Amino acid sequence: MEQPNMIYIKSLSGGDKSFEEKLFAIIKSEFPTEQQIYLNHIEAQNYQLTAEIVHKLKHKISILGLKKSYKIAVEFENNLLDESTALQEEFESILLIITNFLKQL
């Protein structure tokens, strides 16, 4: 599976290390909370609210350069809106990869 990277963030920053650090700080602070909200909603089988948090998480997936994972997130969000959990396992694998990546920063 693909791995998160900083290519997109570096292109946004134009070499501004302060900007990069601030963006990563935001991601590192928001991601665990959003991941927990996702887990709570999916466990409660509240697919509408789960789709809403997946929508937020998919932007972080994109920022971290995970192009294939972003496509999975989009499909999973659409599935949830149709009250289907197809791609849940794949999406949760993406969340684990991001969690491990953020721990290394």
Protein backbone atom coordinates (compact mmCIF):
# COMPACT_ATOMS: atom_id res chain seq x y z
CA MET A 1 0.00 0.00 0.00
CA GLU A 2 1.16 3.53 -0.67
CA GLN A 3 2.80 5.54 2.08
CA PRO A 4 2.14 9.12 3.20
CA ASN A 5 4.62 11.71 2.03
CA MET A 6 5.31 15.40 2.30
CA ILE A 7 5.52 16.20 -1.42
CA TYR A 8 2.20 18.08 -1.62
CA ILE A 9 2.85 19.98 1.60
CA LYS A 10 6.30 21.01 0.40
CA SER A 11 4.85 22.21 -2.89
CA LEU A 12 2.26 24.28 -1.00
CA SER A 13 4.83 25.76 1.34
CA GLY A 14 7.27 26.92 -1.29
CA GLY A 15 10.05 25.97 1.10
CA ASP A 16 8.56 27.79 4.09
CA LYS A 17 9.47 25.42 6.95
CA SER A 18 7.31 27.33 9.41
CA PHE A 19 4.25 26.79 7.22
CA GLU A 20 5.06 23.08 6.89
CA GLU A 21 5.43 22.72 10.66
CA LYS A 22 2.13 24.52 11.29
CA LEU A 23 0.27 22.38 8.76
CA PHE A 24 1.69 19.17 10.25
CA ALA A 25 0.82 20.38 13.75
CA ILE A 26 -2.78 20.89 12.65
CA ILE A 27 -2.96 17.46 11.05
CA LYS A 28 -1.35 15.80 14.07
CA SER A 29 -3.79 17.49 16.47
CA GLU A 30 -6.97 16.98 14.42
CA PHE A 31 -6.43 13.51 12.98
CA PRO A 32 -6.71 11.45 16.20
CA THR A 33 -9.92 13.21 17.20
CA GLU A 34 -11.47 12.81 13.77
CA GLN A 35 -10.40 9.16 13.67
CA GLN A 36 -12.11 8.55 17.02
CA ILE A 37 -15.26 10.32 15.84
CA TYR A 38 -15.20 8.07 12.75
CA LEU A 39 -14.87 4.95 14.93
CA ASN A 40 -17.74 6.06 17.18
CA HIS A 41 -20.07 6.73 14.25
CA ILE A 42 -19.22 3.55 12.36
CA GLU A 43 -19.73 1.49 15.52
CA ALA A 44 -23.11 3.16 16.07
CA GLN A 45 -23.95 2.43 12.43
CA ASN A 46 -24.76 6.08 11.86
CA TYR A 47 -23.73 6.11 8.24
CA GLN A 48 -24.66 9.72 7.49
CA LEU A 49 -22.42 11.05 10.27
CA THR A 50 -19.73 8.54 9.34
CA ALA A 51 -19.80 9.82 5.77
CA GLU A 52 -19.39 13.38 7.05
CA ILE A 53 -16.25 12.54 9.04
CA VAL A 54 -14.86 10.47 6.16
CA HIS A 55 -15.32 13.59 4.03
CA LYS A 56 -13.11 15.53 6.47
CA LEU A 57 -10.54 12.75 6.71
CA LYS A 58 -10.23 12.35 2.96
CA HIS A 59 -8.79 15.86 2.71
CA LYS A 60 -6.00 14.91 5.11
CA ILE A 61 -5.46 11.76 3.06
CA SER A 62 -5.03 13.94 -0.01
CA ILE A 63 -2.69 16.40 1.71
CA LEU A 64 -0.48 13.47 2.73
CA GLY A 65 -0.08 12.48 -0.92
CA LEU A 66 -2.15 9.29 -0.78
CA LYS A 67 -3.76 9.43 -4.22
CA LYS A 68 -5.06 5.85 -4.37
CA SER A 69 -6.23 6.05 -0.77
CA TYR A 70 -8.09 9.28 -1.53
CA LYS A 71 -10.04 7.47 -4.25
CA ILE A 72 -10.90 4.71 -1.78
CA ALA A 73 -12.08 7.34 0.73
CA VAL A 74 -14.30 8.97 -1.90
CA GLU A 75 -15.86 5.62 -2.79
CA PHE A 76 -16.25 4.69 0.87
CA GLU A 77 -17.97 8.01 1.59
CA ASN A 78 -20.40 7.35 -1.26
CA ASN A 79 -21.00 3.82 -0.01
CA LEU A 80 -21.83 5.14 3.45
CA LEU A 81 -24.33 7.57 1.97
CA ASP A 82 -25.96 4.47 0.43
CA GLU A 83 -25.82 2.81 3.89
CA SER A 84 -23.16 0.35 2.79
CA THR A 85 -19.91 -0.34 4.61
CA ALA A 86 -18.15 -1.70 1.52
CA LEU A 87 -14.48 -0.58 1.63
CA GLN A 88 -14.55 -0.11 5.42
CA GLU A 89 -11.60 -2.44 5.94
CA GLU A 90 -9.54 -0.70 3.26
CA PHE A 91 -10.38 2.73 4.70
CA GLU A 92 -9.43 1.69 8.20
CA SER A 93 -6.11 0.34 6.88
CA ILE A 94 -5.45 3.82 5.47
CA LEU A 95 -6.19 5.36 8.87
CA LEU A 96 -3.70 3.00 10.50
CA ILE A 97 -1.00 3.90 7.97
CA ILE A 98 -1.57 7.61 8.64
CA THR A 99 -1.53 7.05 12.41
CA ASN A 100 1.83 5.29 12.17
CA PHE A 101 3.21 8.00 9.88
CA LEU A 102 2.15 10.80 12.24
CA LYS A 103 3.76 9.03 15.20
CA GLN A 104 7.10 9.18 13.36
CA LEU A 105 6.97 12.95 12.88
